Protein backbone atom coordinates (compact mmCIF):
# COMPACT_ATOMS: atom_id res chain seq x y z
CA MET A 1 94.75 70.03 133.44
CA ASP A 2 94.03 71.18 129.92
CA ALA A 3 96.02 69.69 127.08
CA VAL A 4 98.59 72.00 125.56
CA THR A 5 98.42 72.37 121.80
CA ALA A 6 101.86 72.22 120.23
CA VAL A 7 102.81 75.26 118.17
CA PRO A 8 104.29 74.19 114.81
CA ALA A 9 107.97 75.02 114.48
CA LEU A 10 108.72 77.84 112.08
CA HIS A 11 110.99 77.17 109.12
CA PRO A 12 113.99 79.54 108.91
CA ALA A 13 114.22 81.67 105.77
CA LEU A 14 116.89 84.20 104.83
CA VAL A 15 115.76 87.57 103.49
CA ARG A 16 118.03 89.32 101.01
CA ASP A 17 117.12 92.92 100.15
CA LEU A 18 118.96 93.47 96.87
CA GLY A 19 117.92 97.10 96.37
CA ARG A 20 117.61 98.19 92.74
CA GLN A 21 119.03 95.79 90.19
CA ALA A 22 118.91 94.97 86.50
CA TYR A 23 116.64 92.00 85.83
CA GLU A 24 118.91 89.48 84.13
CA PRO A 25 121.63 89.09 86.80
CA VAL A 26 119.01 88.42 89.47
CA TRP A 27 117.16 85.97 87.22
CA HIS A 28 120.34 84.00 86.51
CA ALA A 29 121.29 84.05 90.19
CA MET A 30 117.87 82.53 91.02
CA GLN A 31 118.47 79.77 88.50
CA ARG A 32 121.91 78.99 89.94
CA PHE A 33 120.59 79.01 93.50
CA THR A 34 117.76 76.62 92.62
CA ASP A 35 119.98 74.26 90.64
CA ALA A 36 122.61 74.12 93.39
CA ARG A 37 120.39 73.72 96.45
CA ASP A 38 119.89 70.42 98.23
CA GLU A 39 117.51 69.19 100.93
CA ALA A 40 119.51 70.97 103.63
CA ALA A 41 119.59 74.37 101.88
CA ALA A 42 117.78 77.14 103.71
CA ASP A 43 114.85 78.82 102.01
CA GLU A 44 115.30 82.44 100.98
CA LEU A 45 113.18 85.45 100.04
CA TRP A 46 114.81 87.93 97.67
CA VAL A 47 113.39 91.45 97.59
CA VAL A 48 114.32 93.68 94.67
CA GLU A 49 113.31 96.74 92.68
CA HIS A 50 114.12 96.28 89.00
CA ASP A 51 115.26 98.66 86.31
CA PRO A 52 112.53 99.05 83.64
CA VAL A 53 111.98 95.78 81.75
CA PHE A 54 109.24 93.77 80.10
CA THR A 55 109.41 90.04 80.77
CA LEU A 56 107.66 87.50 78.59
CA GLY A 57 106.87 84.20 80.31
CA GLN A 58 106.69 80.74 78.79
CA ALA A 59 103.03 81.23 77.80
CA GLY A 60 103.73 84.72 76.51
CA LYS A 61 102.90 85.75 72.96
CA PRO A 62 105.04 88.43 71.30
CA GLU A 63 101.93 90.14 69.93
CA HIS A 64 101.01 91.13 73.50
CA VAL A 65 104.06 93.41 73.51
CA LEU A 66 102.53 96.35 71.66
CA ALA A 67 105.11 99.14 71.69
CA PRO A 68 108.05 98.52 74.05
CA GLY A 69 110.03 101.53 72.85
CA GLU A 70 113.29 101.88 74.75
CA ILE A 71 112.34 99.32 77.42
CA PRO A 72 113.99 95.91 76.83
CA VAL A 73 111.92 92.75 76.38
CA ILE A 74 113.33 89.55 77.92
CA HIS A 75 111.99 86.03 77.36
CA VAL A 76 112.15 84.18 80.68
CA ASP A 77 111.43 80.72 82.09
CA ARG A 78 108.57 81.55 84.44
CA GLY A 79 104.92 80.78 83.88
CA GLY A 80 102.50 83.38 82.62
CA GLN A 81 102.60 85.99 79.91
CA VAL A 82 103.99 89.51 79.66
CA THR A 83 104.40 91.95 82.51
CA TYR A 84 106.39 95.07 83.38
CA HIS A 85 108.89 95.62 86.17
CA GLY A 86 110.18 99.05 87.12
CA PRO A 87 111.08 101.46 89.91
CA GLY A 88 108.43 101.79 92.59
CA GLN A 89 107.43 98.12 92.36
CA ILE A 90 108.33 95.58 95.04
CA VAL A 91 109.37 92.26 93.53
CA VAL A 92 109.70 89.29 95.88
CA TYR A 93 111.26 86.02 94.76
CA PRO A 94 110.40 83.24 97.24
CA LEU A 95 113.01 80.49 96.88
CA LEU A 96 111.18 77.82 98.85
CA ASP A 97 111.34 74.03 99.11
CA LEU A 98 107.65 73.17 98.79
CA ARG A 99 108.28 69.55 99.76
CA ARG A 100 109.75 70.58 103.09
CA LEU A 101 106.90 73.04 103.67
CA LYS A 102 104.35 70.42 102.56
CA VAL A 103 102.69 72.91 100.22
CA GLY A 104 101.34 72.06 96.77
CA VAL A 105 101.81 74.33 93.77
CA ARG A 106 98.20 75.48 93.58
CA ASP A 107 98.19 76.19 97.33
CA TYR A 108 101.50 78.02 96.95
CA VAL A 109 99.96 80.45 94.44
CA CYS A 110 96.90 80.99 96.65
CA ARG A 111 99.08 81.72 99.69
CA ILE A 112 101.13 84.32 97.83
CA GLU A 113 97.93 86.01 96.65
CA GLN A 114 96.56 85.94 100.20
CA ALA A 115 99.74 87.54 101.56
CA VAL A 116 99.26 90.46 99.14
CA ILE A 117 95.54 90.70 100.00
CA ASP A 118 96.36 90.82 103.71
CA THR A 119 99.08 93.40 103.08
CA LEU A 120 96.59 95.67 101.33
CA ASP A 121 94.18 95.21 104.24
CA GLU A 122 96.80 96.94 106.41
CA TRP A 123 95.75 100.14 104.62
CA ASN A 124 92.04 99.22 104.51
CA ILE A 125 92.15 98.38 100.81
CA ALA A 126 89.87 95.50 99.86
CA ALA A 127 91.47 93.20 97.29
CA ALA A 128 90.67 89.80 95.81
CA ARG A 129 92.00 87.08 93.55
CA ARG A 130 90.34 86.32 90.22
CA GLU A 131 89.52 82.83 88.97
CA GLY A 132 91.68 81.84 86.01
CA ALA A 133 93.81 85.00 86.17
CA PRO A 134 96.52 84.70 88.86
CA GLY A 135 97.35 87.88 90.72
CA VAL A 136 95.61 90.34 93.03
CA TYR A 137 92.98 92.85 91.98
CA VAL A 138 91.34 95.90 93.52
CA ALA A 139 87.97 96.34 91.85
CA ASP A 140 88.79 95.75 88.18
CA ALA A 141 92.44 96.82 88.33
CA LYS A 142 95.46 94.57 88.87
CA ILE A 143 97.87 95.60 91.61
CA ALA A 144 100.06 92.49 91.86
CA ALA A 145 101.19 89.98 89.23
CA LEU A 146 102.43 86.42 89.77
CA GLY A 147 104.77 84.38 87.63
CA ILE A 148 106.35 81.29 89.12
CA ARG A 149 108.52 78.32 88.25
CA VAL A 150 108.92 75.11 90.24
CA ARG A 151 111.93 72.88 89.66
CA HIS A 152 112.46 69.66 91.66
CA GLY A 153 109.90 70.89 94.17
CA CYS A 154 111.63 74.25 94.68
CA THR A 155 110.24 77.62 93.64
CA PHE A 156 111.77 80.61 91.93
CA HIS A 157 110.46 83.76 90.23
CA GLY A 158 107.53 85.17 92.23
CA LEU A 159 105.40 88.28 92.66
CA ALA A 160 105.45 91.93 91.61
CA PHE A 161 103.51 94.42 93.75
CA ASN A 162 102.88 97.93 92.42
CA VAL A 163 103.57 100.47 95.17
CA SER A 164 104.34 103.90 93.74
CA MET A 165 105.39 103.51 90.13
CA ASP A 166 104.87 105.08 86.74
CA LEU A 167 102.14 102.87 85.27
CA GLU A 168 102.48 104.20 81.70
CA PRO A 169 104.61 101.24 80.47
CA PHE A 170 101.70 98.89 81.17
CA GLN A 171 99.89 100.68 78.32
CA ARG A 172 102.59 99.38 75.96
CA ILE A 173 101.58 95.76 76.56
CA ASN A 174 98.53 93.60 77.12
CA PRO A 175 99.26 92.95 80.80
CA CYS A 176 99.30 89.21 81.50
CA GLY A 177 97.87 88.72 78.01
CA TYR A 178 94.67 90.72 78.59
CA ALA A 179 94.03 93.62 76.23
CA GLY A 180 92.90 96.72 78.10
CA LEU A 181 93.51 95.28 81.58
CA ARG A 182 93.59 98.15 84.06
CA VAL A 183 96.56 98.34 86.41
CA THR A 184 96.80 100.28 89.65
CA SER A 185 99.24 100.95 92.49
CA LEU A 186 99.12 101.20 96.26
CA LEU A 187 99.79 104.95 96.13
CA ASP A 188 96.91 105.53 93.71
CA LEU A 189 94.61 103.72 96.16
CA GLY A 190 95.56 105.97 99.07
CA GLY A 191 98.36 103.83 100.50
CA PRO A 192 101.93 104.88 101.29
CA SER A 193 104.41 105.89 98.62
CA GLY A 194 107.50 104.63 100.44
CA MET A 195 108.78 101.17 99.60
CA GLU A 196 110.29 100.82 103.08
CA ALA A 197 106.86 101.20 104.67
CA VAL A 198 105.47 98.34 102.59
CA LYS A 199 108.29 95.79 102.48
CA PRO A 200 108.13 94.65 106.13
CA VAL A 201 104.34 94.27 105.99
CA LEU A 202 104.49 92.17 102.82
CA LEU A 203 107.34 90.03 104.16
CA GLU A 204 105.51 89.49 107.45
CA GLN A 205 102.41 88.32 105.59
CA LEU A 206 104.44 85.96 103.38
CA ALA A 207 106.14 84.57 106.49
CA ARG A 208 102.75 84.00 108.12
CA GLN A 209 101.38 82.20 105.06
CA PHE A 210 104.30 79.78 104.86
CA GLY A 211 105.25 79.42 108.51
CA LEU A 212 108.65 81.09 108.10
CA ARG A 213 111.00 82.68 110.60
CA LEU A 214 112.72 85.46 108.68
CA GLN A 215 116.41 86.21 109.11
CA PRO A 216 117.52 89.36 107.27
CA LEU A 217 120.71 89.48 105.20
CA SER A 218 121.95 92.39 103.13
CA GLU A 219 123.59 91.21 99.93
CA LEU A 220 123.83 88.30 97.57
CA PRO A 221 127.44 87.25 96.94
CA GLY A 222 128.30 86.71 93.30
CA LEU A 223 125.13 88.30 91.94
CA ASP A 224 126.77 89.17 88.64
CA ALA A 225 128.63 85.90 88.24
CA GLY A 226 127.52 83.97 85.18
CA ALA A 227 125.02 86.64 84.12
């Protein structure tokens, strides 16, 4: 009789689709969630579409914000430099306990990038990571940016995936600190324009990378509290 290989148990993770939100309340809610969680707290994935905003990470230099105009610039506590969030972009904030998942920080970044690469493969779009420049690229154009923070072994902030957005604001910055970096979107590469067509594919790939069993929820109680 052949030996049966045990299938690793999946870790439960709650999915909260927050819809369209201003950046700051969600950012502060992430901080509160991370500070309050303990070893028993379930992991969560927050999915959101932000109002237009430039965020400047801890390594960000103000001179990379060239001409923000009416779009606000917010200094935040994630890694990385400056990026843009806006309508038509899927932002996913994985709030994961890396110790429980037995995943190191470098591996965590690689797995997020791979989830985006595998998502793009769903529409036969070949993408790759780039050494020394976190994110996902199609040819020479960036389609997904990463900016993370790990506190006491738990992650917050995350990834921004361009689906069907106005890319003009990226011309007002040096994206991720690189002057002239080209940026693209899934729609421009022949993929779907609808966010709802892309979200489940991206979430499925993230779940596969981290061994998660996703449990959807609708809202985040107290989102505006303490903002």
